[in-house]
Each structure stands twice: as structure tokens, then as C-alpha cells.
Amino acid sequence: MIPGLRAELLQEYLRINAPRSLFTEDDARELGVDLVSRAELDEMGKTAWIWTAFYQRFPSATALVELSVPVIDRAAGEALVYCGESTGSLAGRGFLILLRNGSAGRVPVFWQELWVS
């Protein structure tokens, strides 16, 4: 799927991200973002159309971004992460991104689109 992606890195990514991962409030503060759990999104969807509820709760939001826990292989100088972005029910996409160490730090060298709507 991704040229040069080692099977071991993908297996470790799947192992770590199989259970639902959670960023902490400290992680969110460090990134300067609002943290929304999957459970909170599910609750929003029960009371109203999810996007109406989402933008009411976060009126300054421009998108909902979902990130996986990155898997880092320091020895190989690689990392693998998922990033999804949505702005509405039929407006979004998700990527699996392979990063490698470069002169400017870890840089994306390949990304595979997994879904688009």
C-alpha cells in the first residue's frame, strides 16, 4: 500500500491503535486544540445532527481532526500515523502517513488516502 512501509512498523501501528486511544487534556493544551472524545461525539449525535451539535459546541472550529497514536521506530528513523479531517457529513478524508527522518526532522514521505467523502 505504501512503498517502503515495513510490515513490522504497520503491525506495531495496528497493535497500538487497535484499542481506542485517547489524548490527554495536557496533550490537547500543548497542541492548542479542544479535545473531543469519541464518546462525546456519539452523545452529540444522539441529541442532534452531529455537525449541528459539533459546531454549536465548538463555534470557532473549522474542522474535526482525528489523529492516531503515532508509532515511532527510532532505529529506522520512521513513524506512522493516521490523520483524518472532516468539516461535514460528506466533507472529509483520512490518510495513513509515513514519516522519515530528514534534515528538517520527521517529514512525510508518503501518504495513502484511506477514505474520502
PDB file of N, CA and C in Angstrom:
ATOM      1  N   MET A   1       0.832  -1.193   0.000  1.00  0.00           N
ATOM      2  CA  MET A   1       0.000   0.000   0.000  1.00  0.00           C
ATOM      3  C   MET A   1       0.871   1.249   0.000  1.00  0.00           C
ATOM      4  N   ILE A   2       1.811   1.334   0.913  1.00  0.00           N
ATOM      5  CA  ILE A   2       2.721   2.474   0.961  1.00  0.00           C
ATOM      6  C   ILE A   2       4.113   1.965   0.614  1.00  0.00           C
ATOM      7  N   PRO A   3       4.701   2.456  -0.461  1.00  0.00           N
ATOM      8  CA  PRO A   3       6.039   1.995  -0.840  1.00  0.00           C
ATOM      9  C   PRO A   3       7.046   2.200   0.293  1.00  0.00           C
ATOM     10  N   GLY A   4       7.794   1.169   0.598  1.00  0.00           N
ATOM     11  CA  GLY A   4       8.823   1.254   1.624  1.00  0.00           C
ATOM     12  C   GLY A   4       8.326   1.068   3.043  1.00  0.00           C
ATOM     13  N   LEU A   5       7.029   0.889   3.228  1.00  0.00           N
ATOM     14  CA  LEU A   5       6.492   0.682   4.577  1.00  0.00           C
ATOM     15  C   LEU A   5       6.816  -0.738   5.016  1.00  0.00           C
ATOM     16  N   ARG A   6       7.556  -0.837   6.099  1.00  0.00           N
ATOM     17  CA  ARG A   6       7.920  -2.146   6.621  1.00  0.00           C
ATOM     18  C   ARG A   6       6.743  -2.767   7.346  1.00  0.00           C
ATOM     19  N   ALA A   7       6.556  -4.056   7.143  1.00  0.00           N
ATOM     20  CA  ALA A   7       5.438  -4.779   7.758  1.00  0.00           C
ATOM     21  C   ALA A   7       5.472  -4.658   9.271  1.00  0.00           C
ATOM     22  N   GLU A   8       6.668  -4.666   9.858  1.00  0.00           N
ATOM     23  CA  GLU A   8       6.793  -4.586  11.315  1.00  0.00           C
ATOM     24  C   GLU A   8       6.244  -3.264  11.854  1.00  0.00           C
ATOM     25  N   LEU A   9       6.498  -2.177  11.142  1.00  0.00           N
ATOM     26  CA  LEU A   9       6.002  -0.871  11.587  1.00  0.00           C
ATOM     27  C   LEU A   9       4.477  -0.838  11.507  1.00  0.00           C
ATOM     28  N   LEU A  10       3.920  -1.375  10.434  1.00  0.00           N
ATOM     29  CA  LEU A  10       2.467  -1.413  10.298  1.00  0.00           C
ATOM     30  C   LEU A  10       1.839  -2.315  11.369  1.00  0.00           C
ATOM     31  N   GLN A  11       2.438  -3.447  11.648  1.00  0.00           N
ATOM     32  CA  GLN A  11       1.917  -4.343  12.686  1.00  0.00           C
ATOM     33  C   GLN A  11       1.927  -3.665  14.053  1.00  0.00           C
ATOM     34  N   GLU A  12       2.993  -2.949  14.359  1.00  0.00           N
ATOM     35  CA  GLU A  12       3.069  -2.233  15.641  1.00  0.00           C
ATOM     36  C   GLU A  12       2.027  -1.119  15.695  1.00  0.00           C
ATOM     37  N   TYR A  13       1.834  -0.417  14.575  1.00  0.00           N
ATOM     38  CA  TYR A  13       0.813   0.631  14.500  1.00  0.00           C
ATOM     39  C   TYR A  13      -0.566   0.038  14.817  1.00  0.00           C
ATOM     40  N   LEU A  14      -0.883  -1.080  14.179  1.00  0.00           N
ATOM     41  CA  LEU A  14      -2.188  -1.715  14.397  1.00  0.00           C
ATOM     42  C   LEU A  14      -2.341  -2.204  15.829  1.00  0.00           C
ATOM     43  N   ARG A  15      -1.274  -2.741  16.404  1.00  0.00           N
ATOM     44  CA  ARG A  15      -1.326  -3.221  17.784  1.00  0.00           C
ATOM     45  C   ARG A  15      -1.613  -2.077  18.746  1.00  0.00           C
ATOM     46  N   ILE A  16      -0.917  -0.966  18.568  1.00  0.00           N
ATOM     47  CA  ILE A  16      -1.070   0.170  19.478  1.00  0.00           C
ATOM     48  C   ILE A  16      -2.407   0.868  19.297  1.00  0.00           C
ATOM     49  N   ASN A  17      -2.881   0.944  18.066  1.00  0.00           N
ATOM     50  CA  ASN A  17      -4.096   1.705  17.799  1.00  0.00           C
ATOM     51  C   ASN A  17      -5.360   0.854  17.737  1.00  0.00           C
ATOM     52  N   ALA A  18      -5.259  -0.451  17.973  1.00  0.00           N
ATOM     53  CA  ALA A  18      -6.452  -1.299  17.958  1.00  0.00           C
ATOM     54  C   ALA A  18      -7.446  -0.863  19.035  1.00  0.00           C
ATOM     55  N   PRO A  19      -6.998  -0.696  20.280  1.00  0.00           N
ATOM     56  CA  PRO A  19      -7.940  -0.132  21.257  1.00  0.00           C
ATOM     57  C   PRO A  19      -8.079   1.363  20.965  1.00  0.00           C
ATOM     58  N   ARG A  20      -9.192   1.916  21.351  1.00  0.00           N
ATOM     59  CA  ARG A  20      -9.346   3.361  21.139  1.00  0.00           C
ATOM     60  C   ARG A  20      -8.322   4.103  21.980  1.00  0.00           C
ATOM     61  N   SER A  21      -7.566   4.931  21.311  1.00  0.00           N
ATOM     62  CA  SER A  21      -6.551   5.695  22.028  1.00  0.00           C
ATOM     63  C   SER A  21      -7.124   7.050  22.418  1.00  0.00           C
ATOM     64  N   LEU A  22      -6.607   7.590  23.485  1.00  0.00           N
ATOM     65  CA  LEU A  22      -7.087   8.876  23.975  1.00  0.00           C
ATOM     66  C   LEU A  22      -5.917   9.815  24.192  1.00  0.00           C
ATOM     67  N   PHE A  23      -6.056  10.995  23.660  1.00  0.00           N
ATOM     68  CA  PHE A  23      -5.115  12.054  24.001  1.00  0.00           C
ATOM     69  C   PHE A  23      -5.539  12.585  25.355  1.00  0.00           C
ATOM     70  N   THR A  24      -4.604  13.065  26.114  1.00  0.00           N
ATOM     71  CA  THR A  24      -4.939  13.631  27.414  1.00  0.00           C
ATOM     72  C   THR A  24      -5.243  15.116  27.268  1.00  0.00           C
ATOM     73  N   GLU A  25      -5.811  15.687  28.301  1.00  0.00           N
ATOM     74  CA  GLU A  25      -6.056  17.129  28.312  1.00  0.00           C
ATOM     75  C   GLU A  25      -4.736  17.897  28.161  1.00  0.00           C
ATOM     76  N   ASP A  26      -3.674  17.386  28.768  1.00  0.00           N
ATOM     77  CA  ASP A  26      -2.358  18.022  28.623  1.00  0.00           C
ATOM     78  C   ASP A  26      -1.894  17.995  27.176  1.00  0.00           C
ATOM     79  N   ASP A  27      -2.111  16.864  26.479  1.00  0.00           N
ATOM     80  CA  ASP A  27      -1.761  16.772  25.067  1.00  0.00           C
ATOM     81  C   ASP A  27      -2.513  17.841  24.270  1.00  0.00           C
ATOM     82  N   ALA A  28      -3.787  17.985  24.540  1.00  0.00           N
ATOM     83  CA  ALA A  28      -4.612  18.956  23.816  1.00  0.00           C
ATOM     84  C   ALA A  28      -4.140  20.383  24.076  1.00  0.00           C
ATOM     85  N   ARG A  29      -3.854  20.693  25.340  1.00  0.00           N
ATOM     86  CA  ARG A  29      -3.369  22.041  25.666  1.00  0.00           C
ATOM     87  C   ARG A  29      -2.072  22.333  24.932  1.00  0.00           C
ATOM     88  N   GLU A  30      -1.182  21.340  24.893  1.00  0.00           N
ATOM     89  CA  GLU A  30       0.102  21.517  24.222  1.00  0.00           C
ATOM     90  C   GLU A  30      -0.086  21.794  22.728  1.00  0.00           C
ATOM     91  N   LEU A  31      -1.103  21.178  22.135  1.00  0.00           N
ATOM     92  CA  LEU A  31      -1.384  21.392  20.721  1.00  0.00           C
ATOM     93  C   LEU A  31      -2.228  22.634  20.472  1.00  0.00           C
ATOM     94  N   GLY A  32      -2.826  23.198  21.527  1.00  0.00           N
ATOM     95  CA  GLY A  32      -3.677  24.376  21.373  1.00  0.00           C
ATOM     96  C   GLY A  32      -5.017  24.043  20.732  1.00  0.00           C
ATOM     97  N   VAL A  33      -5.564  22.872  21.070  1.00  0.00           N
ATOM     98  CA  VAL A  33      -6.817  22.433  20.473  1.00  0.00           C
ATOM     99  C   VAL A  33      -7.810  22.024  21.552  1.00  0.00           C
ATOM    100  N   ASP A  34      -9.079  21.919  21.153  1.00  0.00           N
ATOM    101  CA  ASP A  34     -10.102  21.361  22.027  1.00  0.00           C
ATOM    102  C   ASP A  34     -10.096  19.857  21.836  1.00  0.00           C
ATOM    103  N   LEU A  35     -10.217  19.138  22.912  1.00  0.00           N
ATOM    104  CA  LEU A  35     -10.218  17.687  22.881  1.00  0.00           C
ATOM    105  C   LEU A  35     -11.649  17.187  22.949  1.00  0.00           C
ATOM    106  N   VAL A  36     -12.027  16.327  22.019  1.00  0.00           N
ATOM    107  CA  VAL A  36     -13.365  15.750  21.993  1.00  0.00           C
ATOM    108  C   VAL A  36     -13.211  14.244  21.924  1.00  0.00           C
ATOM    109  N   SER A  37     -13.797  13.536  22.857  1.00  0.00           N
ATOM    110  CA  SER A  37     -13.708  12.072  22.842  1.00  0.00           C
ATOM    111  C   SER A  37     -14.722  11.497  21.867  1.00  0.00           C
ATOM    112  N   ARG A  38     -14.475  10.265  21.473  1.00  0.00           N
ATOM    113  CA  ARG A  38     -15.428   9.552  20.612  1.00  0.00           C
ATOM    114  C   ARG A  38     -16.768   9.436  21.324  1.00  0.00           C
ATOM    115  N   ALA A  39     -16.747   9.203  22.633  1.00  0.00           N
ATOM    116  CA  ALA A  39     -17.987   9.088  23.402  1.00  0.00           C
ATOM    117  C   ALA A  39     -18.772  10.402  23.365  1.00  0.00           C
ATOM    118  N   GLU A  40     -18.061  11.534  23.480  1.00  0.00           N
ATOM    119  CA  GLU A  40     -18.747  12.837  23.430  1.00  0.00           C
ATOM    120  C   GLU A  40     -19.358  13.074  22.053  1.00  0.00           C
ATOM    121  N   LEU A  41     -18.645  12.694  21.000  1.00  0.00           N
ATOM    122  CA  LEU A  41     -19.200  12.824  19.647  1.00  0.00           C
ATOM    123  C   LEU A  41     -20.437  11.946  19.486  1.00  0.00           C
ATOM    124  N   ASP A  42     -20.361  10.723  20.015  1.00  0.00           N
ATOM    125  CA  ASP A  42     -21.516   9.822  19.940  1.00  0.00           C
ATOM    126  C   ASP A  42     -22.725  10.434  20.651  1.00  0.00           C
ATOM    127  N   GLU A  43     -22.499  11.042  21.816  1.00  0.00           N
ATOM    128  CA  GLU A  43     -23.594  11.696  22.548  1.00  0.00           C
ATOM    129  C   GLU A  43     -24.165  12.870  21.765  1.00  0.00           C
ATOM    130  N   MET A  44     -23.303  13.664  21.139  1.00  0.00           N
ATOM    131  CA  MET A  44     -23.780  14.783  20.316  1.00  0.00           C
ATOM    132  C   MET A  44     -24.708  14.274  19.226  1.00  0.00           C
ATOM    133  N   GLY A  45     -24.339  13.155  18.629  1.00  0.00           N
ATOM    134  CA  GLY A  45     -25.125  12.582  17.547  1.00  0.00           C
ATOM    135  C   GLY A  45     -26.468  12.040  17.987  1.00  0.00           C
ATOM    136  N   LYS A  46     -26.627  11.747  19.264  1.00  0.00           N
ATOM    137  CA  LYS A  46     -27.895  11.240  19.793  1.00  0.00           C
ATOM    138  C   LYS A  46     -28.904  12.359  20.009  1.00  0.00           C
ATOM    139  N   THR A  47     -28.408  13.574  20.249  1.00  0.00           N
ATOM    140  CA  THR A  47     -29.308  14.678  20.591  1.00  0.00           C
ATOM    141  C   THR A  47     -29.610  15.597  19.417  1.00  0.00           C
ATOM    142  N   ALA A  48     -28.782  15.567  18.385  1.00  0.00           N
ATOM    143  CA  ALA A  48     -28.972  16.448  17.230  1.00  0.00           C
ATOM    144  C   ALA A  48     -28.165  15.887  16.076  1.00  0.00           C
ATOM    145  N   TRP A  49     -28.351  16.482  14.904  1.00  0.00           N
ATOM    146  CA  TRP A  49     -27.485  16.112  13.792  1.00  0.00           C
ATOM    147  C   TRP A  49     -26.061  16.414  14.242  1.00  0.00           C
ATOM    148  N   ILE A  50     -25.155  15.471  14.089  1.00  0.00           N
ATOM    149  CA  ILE A  50     -23.816  15.560  14.676  1.00  0.00           C
ATOM    150  C   ILE A  50     -23.110  16.863  14.324  1.00  0.00           C
ATOM    151  N   TRP A  51     -23.205  17.312  13.083  1.00  0.00           N
ATOM    152  CA  TRP A  51     -22.470  18.522  12.698  1.00  0.00           C
ATOM    153  C   TRP A  51     -23.093  19.775  13.284  1.00  0.00           C
ATOM    154  N   THR A  52     -24.390  19.807  13.437  1.00  0.00           N
ATOM    155  CA  THR A  52     -25.029  20.941  14.106  1.00  0.00           C
ATOM    156  C   THR A  52     -24.572  20.997  15.552  1.00  0.00           C
ATOM    157  N   ALA A  53     -24.608  19.851  16.225  1.00  0.00           N
ATOM    158  CA  ALA A  53     -24.178  19.790  17.628  1.00  0.00           C
ATOM    159  C   ALA A  53     -22.695  20.122  17.770  1.00  0.00           C
ATOM    160  N   PHE A  54     -21.885  19.614  16.864  1.00  0.00           N
ATOM    161  CA  PHE A  54     -20.442  19.869  16.932  1.00  0.00           C
ATOM    162  C   PHE A  54     -20.147  21.363  16.813  1.00  0.00           C
ATOM    163  N   TYR A  55     -20.719  22.029  15.806  1.00  0.00           N
ATOM    164  CA  TYR A  55     -20.427  23.445  15.610  1.00  0.00           C
ATOM    165  C   TYR A  55     -21.091  24.331  16.665  1.00  0.00           C
ATOM    166  N   GLN A  56     -22.170  23.872  17.295  1.00  0.00           N
ATOM    167  CA  GLN A  56     -22.735  24.608  18.427  1.00  0.00           C
ATOM    168  C   GLN A  56     -21.798  24.521  19.622  1.00  0.00           C
ATOM    169  N   ARG A  57     -21.250  23.345  19.844  1.00  0.00           N
ATOM    170  CA  ARG A  57     -20.332  23.148  20.982  1.00  0.00           C
ATOM    171  C   ARG A  57     -18.992  23.837  20.751  1.00  0.00           C
ATOM    172  N   PHE A  58     -18.536  23.864  19.502  1.00  0.00           N
ATOM    173  CA  PHE A  58     -17.239  24.462  19.141  1.00  0.00           C
ATOM    174  C   PHE A  58     -17.440  25.454  18.001  1.00  0.00           C
ATOM    175  N   PRO A  59     -18.026  26.615  18.286  1.00  0.00           N
ATOM    176  CA  PRO A  59     -18.384  27.563  17.213  1.00  0.00           C
ATOM    177  C   PRO A  59     -17.209  28.108  16.412  1.00  0.00           C
ATOM    178  N   SER A  60     -16.017  28.101  16.957  1.00  0.00           N
ATOM    179  CA  SER A  60     -14.872  28.616  16.196  1.00  0.00           C
ATOM    180  C   SER A  60     -14.138  27.512  15.432  1.00  0.00           C
ATOM    181  N   ALA A  61     -14.633  26.283  15.524  1.00  0.00           N
ATOM    182  CA  ALA A  61     -13.973  25.160  14.839  1.00  0.00           C
ATOM    183  C   ALA A  61     -14.097  25.304  13.328  1.00  0.00           C
ATOM    184  N   THR A  62     -13.046  24.912  12.638  1.00  0.00           N
ATOM    185  CA  THR A  62     -13.082  24.877  11.178  1.00  0.00           C
ATOM    186  C   THR A  62     -13.133  23.444  10.672  1.00  0.00           C
ATOM    187  N   ALA A  63     -12.845  22.479  11.545  1.00  0.00           N
ATOM    188  CA  ALA A  63     -12.879  21.069  11.158  1.00  0.00           C
ATOM    189  C   ALA A  63     -12.765  20.201  12.411  1.00  0.00           C
ATOM    190  N   LEU A  64     -13.107  18.952  12.241  1.00  0.00           N
ATOM    191  CA  LEU A  64     -12.864  17.934  13.248  1.00  0.00           C
ATOM    192  C   LEU A  64     -11.686  17.115  12.738  1.00  0.00           C
ATOM    193  N   VAL A  65     -10.613  17.070  13.512  1.00  0.00           N
ATOM    194  CA  VAL A  65      -9.410  16.344  13.114  1.00  0.00           C
ATOM    195  C   VAL A  65      -9.230  15.160  14.045  1.00  0.00           C
ATOM    196  N   GLU A  66      -8.990  14.011  13.450  1.00  0.00           N
ATOM    197  CA  GLU A  66      -8.766  12.788  14.217  1.00  0.00           C
ATOM    198  C   GLU A  66      -7.332  12.332  13.980  1.00  0.00           C
ATOM    199  N   LEU A  67      -6.621  12.072  15.062  1.00  0.00           N
ATOM    200  CA  LEU A  67      -5.237  11.610  14.976  1.00  0.00           C
ATOM    201  C   LEU A  67      -5.089  10.298  15.720  1.00  0.00           C
ATOM    202  N   SER A  68      -4.276   9.417  15.161  1.00  0.00           N
ATOM    203  CA  SER A  68      -3.962   8.183  15.876  1.00  0.00           C
ATOM    204  C   SER A  68      -2.733   8.424  16.743  1.00  0.00           C
ATOM    205  N   VAL A  69      -2.462   7.462  17.581  1.00  0.00           N
ATOM    206  CA  VAL A  69      -1.203   7.468  18.304  1.00  0.00           C
ATOM    207  C   VAL A  69      -0.125   7.125  17.283  1.00  0.00           C
ATOM    208  N   PRO A  70       0.897   7.943  17.131  1.00  0.00           N
ATOM    209  CA  PRO A  70       1.946   7.607  16.154  1.00  0.00           C
ATOM    210  C   PRO A  70       2.810   6.461  16.657  1.00  0.00           C
ATOM    211  N   VAL A  71       3.265   5.651  15.732  1.00  0.00           N
ATOM    212  CA  VAL A  71       4.217   4.597  16.046  1.00  0.00           C
ATOM    213  C   VAL A  71       5.558   5.064  15.508  1.00  0.00           C
ATOM    214  N   ILE A  72       6.563   5.082  16.386  1.00  0.00           N
ATOM    215  CA  ILE A  72       7.878   5.599  16.023  1.00  0.00           C
ATOM    216  C   ILE A  72       8.908   4.489  16.131  1.00  0.00           C
ATOM    217  N   ASP A  73       9.647   4.297  15.052  1.00  0.00           N
ATOM    218  CA  ASP A  73      10.770   3.369  15.045  1.00  0.00           C
ATOM    219  C   ASP A  73      12.030   4.214  14.956  1.00  0.00           C
ATOM    220  N   ARG A  74      12.604   4.505  16.109  1.00  0.00           N
ATOM    221  CA  ARG A  74      13.769   5.387  16.149  1.00  0.00           C
ATOM    222  C   ARG A  74      14.959   4.801  15.395  1.00  0.00           C
ATOM    223  N   ALA A  75      15.136   3.491  15.487  1.00  0.00           N
ATOM    224  CA  ALA A  75      16.275   2.854  14.814  1.00  0.00           C
ATOM    225  C   ALA A  75      16.188   3.021  13.299  1.00  0.00           C
ATOM    226  N   ALA A  76      14.996   2.899  12.748  1.00  0.00           N
ATOM    227  CA  ALA A  76      14.822   3.039  11.300  1.00  0.00           C
ATOM    228  C   ALA A  76      14.557   4.488  10.893  1.00  0.00           C
ATOM    229  N   GLY A  77      14.330   5.360  11.881  1.00  0.00           N
ATOM    230  CA  GLY A  77      14.050   6.765  11.573  1.00  0.00           C
ATOM    231  C   GLY A  77      12.716   6.961  10.886  1.00  0.00           C
ATOM    232  N   GLU A  78      11.720   6.163  11.288  1.00  0.00           N
ATOM    233  CA  GLU A  78      10.405   6.234  10.658  1.00  0.00           C
ATOM    234  C   GLU A  78       9.305   6.391  11.700  1.00  0.00           C
ATOM    235  N   ALA A  79       8.182   6.904  11.235  1.00  0.00           N
ATOM    236  CA  ALA A  79       6.980   6.990  12.066  1.00  0.00           C
ATOM    237  C   ALA A  79       5.775   6.777  11.166  1.00  0.00           C
ATOM    238  N   LEU A  80       4.702   6.247  11.747  1.00  0.00           N
ATOM    239  CA  LEU A  80       3.461   6.013  11.019  1.00  0.00           C
ATOM    240  C   LEU A  80       2.324   6.580  11.846  1.00  0.00           C
ATOM    241  N   VAL A  81       1.444   7.338  11.204  1.00  0.00           N
ATOM    242  CA  VAL A  81       0.336   7.990  11.907  1.00  0.00           C
ATOM    243  C   VAL A  81      -0.867   8.089  10.970  1.00  0.00           C
ATOM    244  N   TYR A  82      -2.061   8.076  11.561  1.00  0.00           N
ATOM    245  CA  TYR A  82      -3.297   8.306  10.803  1.00  0.00           C
ATOM    246  C   TYR A  82      -3.786   9.709  11.106  1.00  0.00           C
ATOM    247  N   CYS A  83      -4.275  10.397  10.093  1.00  0.00           N
ATOM    248  CA  CYS A  83      -4.885  11.708  10.273  1.00  0.00           C
ATOM    249  C   CYS A  83      -6.134  11.786   9.399  1.00  0.00           C
ATOM    250  N   GLY A  84      -7.248  12.106  10.030  1.00  0.00           N
ATOM    251  CA  GLY A  84      -8.495  12.312   9.315  1.00  0.00           C
ATOM    252  C   GLY A  84      -9.006  13.716   9.586  1.00  0.00           C
ATOM    253  N   GLU A  85      -9.708  14.280   8.625  1.00  0.00           N
ATOM    254  CA  GLU A  85     -10.226  15.645   8.765  1.00  0.00           C
ATOM    255  C   GLU A  85     -11.606  15.688   8.136  1.00  0.00           C
ATOM    256  N   SER A  86     -12.576  16.242   8.873  1.00  0.00           N
ATOM    257  CA  SER A  86     -13.942  16.364   8.373  1.00  0.00           C
ATOM    258  C   SER A  86     -14.487  17.739   8.718  1.00  0.00           C
ATOM    259  N   THR A  87     -15.294  18.268   7.806  1.00  0.00           N
ATOM    260  CA  THR A  87     -15.965  19.539   8.073  1.00  0.00           C
ATOM    261  C   THR A  87     -17.481  19.398   7.987  1.00  0.00           C
ATOM    262  N   GLY A  88     -17.935  18.221   7.593  1.00  0.00           N
ATOM    263  CA  GLY A  88     -19.357  17.953   7.479  1.00  0.00           C
ATOM    264  C   GLY A  88     -19.572  16.487   7.145  1.00  0.00           C
ATOM    265  N   SER A  89     -20.836  16.099   6.985  1.00  0.00           N
ATOM    266  CA  SER A  89     -21.127  14.681   6.784  1.00  0.00           C
ATOM    267  C   SER A  89     -20.564  14.131   5.480  1.00  0.00           C
ATOM    268  N   LEU A  90     -20.436  14.931   4.482  1.00  0.00           N
ATOM    269  CA  LEU A  90     -19.860  14.474   3.215  1.00  0.00           C
ATOM    270  C   LEU A  90     -18.689  15.368   2.813  1.00  0.00           C
ATOM    271  N   ALA A  91     -17.889  15.716   3.787  1.00  0.00           N
ATOM    272  CA  ALA A  91     -16.747  16.592   3.514  1.00  0.00           C
ATOM    273  C   ALA A  91     -15.594  16.194   4.418  1.00  0.00           C
ATOM    274  N   GLY A  92     -14.822  15.224   3.965  1.00  0.00           N
ATOM    275  CA  GLY A  92     -13.691  14.802   4.767  1.00  0.00           C
ATOM    276  C   GLY A  92     -12.836  13.790   4.042  1.00  0.00           C
ATOM    277  N   ARG A  93     -11.728  13.447   4.697  1.00  0.00           N
ATOM    278  CA  ARG A  93     -10.829  12.438   4.154  1.00  0.00           C
ATOM    279  C   ARG A  93      -9.884  11.982   5.254  1.00  0.00           C
ATOM    280  N   GLY A  94      -9.301  10.807   5.048  1.00  0.00           N
ATOM    281  CA  GLY A  94      -8.377  10.262   6.035  1.00  0.00           C
ATOM    282  C   GLY A  94      -7.172   9.640   5.360  1.00  0.00           C
ATOM    283  N   PHE A  95      -6.011   9.800   5.982  1.00  0.00           N
ATOM    284  CA  PHE A  95      -4.743   9.346   5.415  1.00  0.00           C
ATOM    285  C   PHE A  95      -3.929   8.562   6.437  1.00  0.00           C
ATOM    286  N   LEU A  96      -3.203   7.580   5.963  1.00  0.00           N
ATOM    287  CA  LEU A  96      -2.145   6.940   6.715  1.00  0.00           C
ATOM    288  C   LEU A  96      -0.853   7.554   6.194  1.00  0.00           C
ATOM    289  N   ILE A  97      -0.043   8.099   7.094  1.00  0.00           N
ATOM    290  CA  ILE A  97       1.129   8.877   6.686  1.00  0.00           C
ATOM    291  C   ILE A  97       2.404   8.232   7.213  1.00  0.00           C
ATOM    292  N   LEU A  98       3.361   8.033   6.319  1.00  0.00           N
ATOM    293  CA  LEU A  98       4.678   7.528   6.672  1.00  0.00           C
ATOM    294  C   LEU A  98       5.642   8.703   6.714  1.00  0.00           C
ATOM    295  N   LEU A  99       6.322   8.853   7.846  1.00  0.00           N
ATOM    296  CA  LEU A  99       7.303   9.926   8.007  1.00  0.00           C
ATOM    297  C   LEU A  99       8.691   9.313   8.152  1.00  0.00           C
ATOM    298  N   ARG A 100       9.690  10.026   7.649  1.00  0.00           N
ATOM    299  CA  ARG A 100      11.076   9.589   7.823  1.00  0.00           C
ATOM    300  C   ARG A 100      11.899  10.767   8.305  1.00  0.00           C
ATOM    301  N   ASN A 101      12.952  10.456   9.027  1.00  0.00           N
ATOM    302  CA  ASN A 101      13.856  11.500   9.488  1.00  0.00           C
ATOM    303  C   ASN A 101      14.521  12.158   8.286  1.00  0.00           C
ATOM    304  N   GLY A 102      14.537  13.471   8.317  1.00  0.00           N
ATOM    305  CA  GLY A 102      15.197  14.257   7.284  1.00  0.00           C
ATOM    306  C   GLY A 102      15.939  15.404   7.933  1.00  0.00           C
ATOM    307  N   SER A 103      16.477  16.285   7.138  1.00  0.00           N
ATOM    308  CA  SER A 103      17.247  17.408   7.681  1.00  0.00           C
ATOM    309  C   SER A 103      16.371  18.361   8.493  1.00  0.00           C
ATOM    310  N   ALA A 104      15.072  18.381   8.226  1.00  0.00           N
ATOM    311  CA  ALA A 104      14.150  19.263   8.947  1.00  0.00           C
ATOM    312  C   ALA A 104      13.354  18.498  10.006  1.00  0.00           C
ATOM    313  N   GLY A 105      13.836  17.330  10.409  1.00  0.00           N
ATOM    314  CA  GLY A 105      13.103  16.499  11.367  1.00  0.00           C
ATOM    315  C   GLY A 105      12.309  15.437  10.630  1.00  0.00           C
ATOM    316  N   ARG A 106      11.260  14.918  11.253  1.00  0.00           N
ATOM    317  CA  ARG A 106      10.433  13.918  10.577  1.00  0.00           C
ATOM    318  C   ARG A 106       9.574  14.599   9.529  1.00  0.00           C
ATOM    319  N   VAL A 107       9.666  14.107   8.325  1.00  0.00           N
ATOM    320  CA  VAL A 107       8.896  14.691   7.223  1.00  0.00           C
ATOM    321  C   VAL A 107       8.076  13.588   6.553  1.00  0.00           C
ATOM    322  N   PRO A 108       6.859  13.933   6.091  1.00  0.00           N
ATOM    323  CA  PRO A 108       6.052  12.930   5.395  1.00  0.00           C
ATOM    324  C   PRO A 108       6.709  12.579   4.059  1.00  0.00           C
ATOM    325  N   VAL A 109       6.875  11.288   3.821  1.00  0.00           N
ATOM    326  CA  VAL A 109       7.449  10.843   2.548  1.00  0.00           C
ATOM    327  C   VAL A 109       6.404  10.151   1.685  1.00  0.00           C
ATOM    328  N   PHE A 110       5.335   9.705   2.321  1.00  0.00           N
ATOM    329  CA  PHE A 110       4.255   9.096   1.555  1.00  0.00           C
ATOM    330  C   PHE A 110       3.003   9.096   2.396  1.00  0.00           C
ATOM    331  N   TRP A 111       1.879   9.316   1.764  1.00  0.00           N
ATOM    332  CA  TRP A 111       0.605   9.192   2.462  1.00  0.00           C
ATOM    333  C   TRP A 111      -0.356   8.465   1.553  1.00  0.00           C
ATOM    334  N   GLN A 112      -1.129   7.609   2.178  1.00  0.00           N
ATOM    335  CA  GLN A 112      -2.118   6.805   1.471  1.00  0.00           C
ATOM    336  C   GLN A 112      -3.507   7.253   1.913  1.00  0.00           C
ATOM    337  N   GLU A 113      -4.291   7.746   0.972  1.00  0.00           N
ATOM    338  CA  GLU A 113      -5.655   8.116   1.299  1.00  0.00           C
ATOM    339  C   GLU A 113      -6.446   6.842   1.567  1.00  0.00           C
ATOM    340  N   LEU A 114      -7.113   6.788   2.710  1.00  0.00           N
ATOM    341  CA  LEU A 114      -7.887   5.609   3.092  1.00  0.00           C
ATOM    342  C   LEU A 114      -9.384   5.788   2.815  1.00  0.00           C
ATOM    343  N   TRP A 115      -9.838   7.030   2.887  1.00  0.00           N
ATOM    344  CA  TRP A 115     -11.238   7.297   2.635  1.00  0.00           C
ATOM    345  C   TRP A 115     -11.436   8.748   2.248  1.00  0.00           C
ATOM    346  N   VAL A 116     -12.504   9.031   1.547  1.00  0.00           N
ATOM    347  CA  VAL A 116     -12.865  10.395   1.195  1.00  0.00           C
ATOM    348  C   VAL A 116     -14.387  10.458   1.057  1.00  0.00           C
ATOM    349  N   SER A 117     -14.957  11.580   1.488  1.00  0.00           N
ATOM    350  CA  SER A 117     -16.408  11.757   1.297  1.00  0.00           C
ATOM    351  C   SER A 117     -16.698  13.188   0.928  1.00  0.00           C
TER     352      SER A 117
END
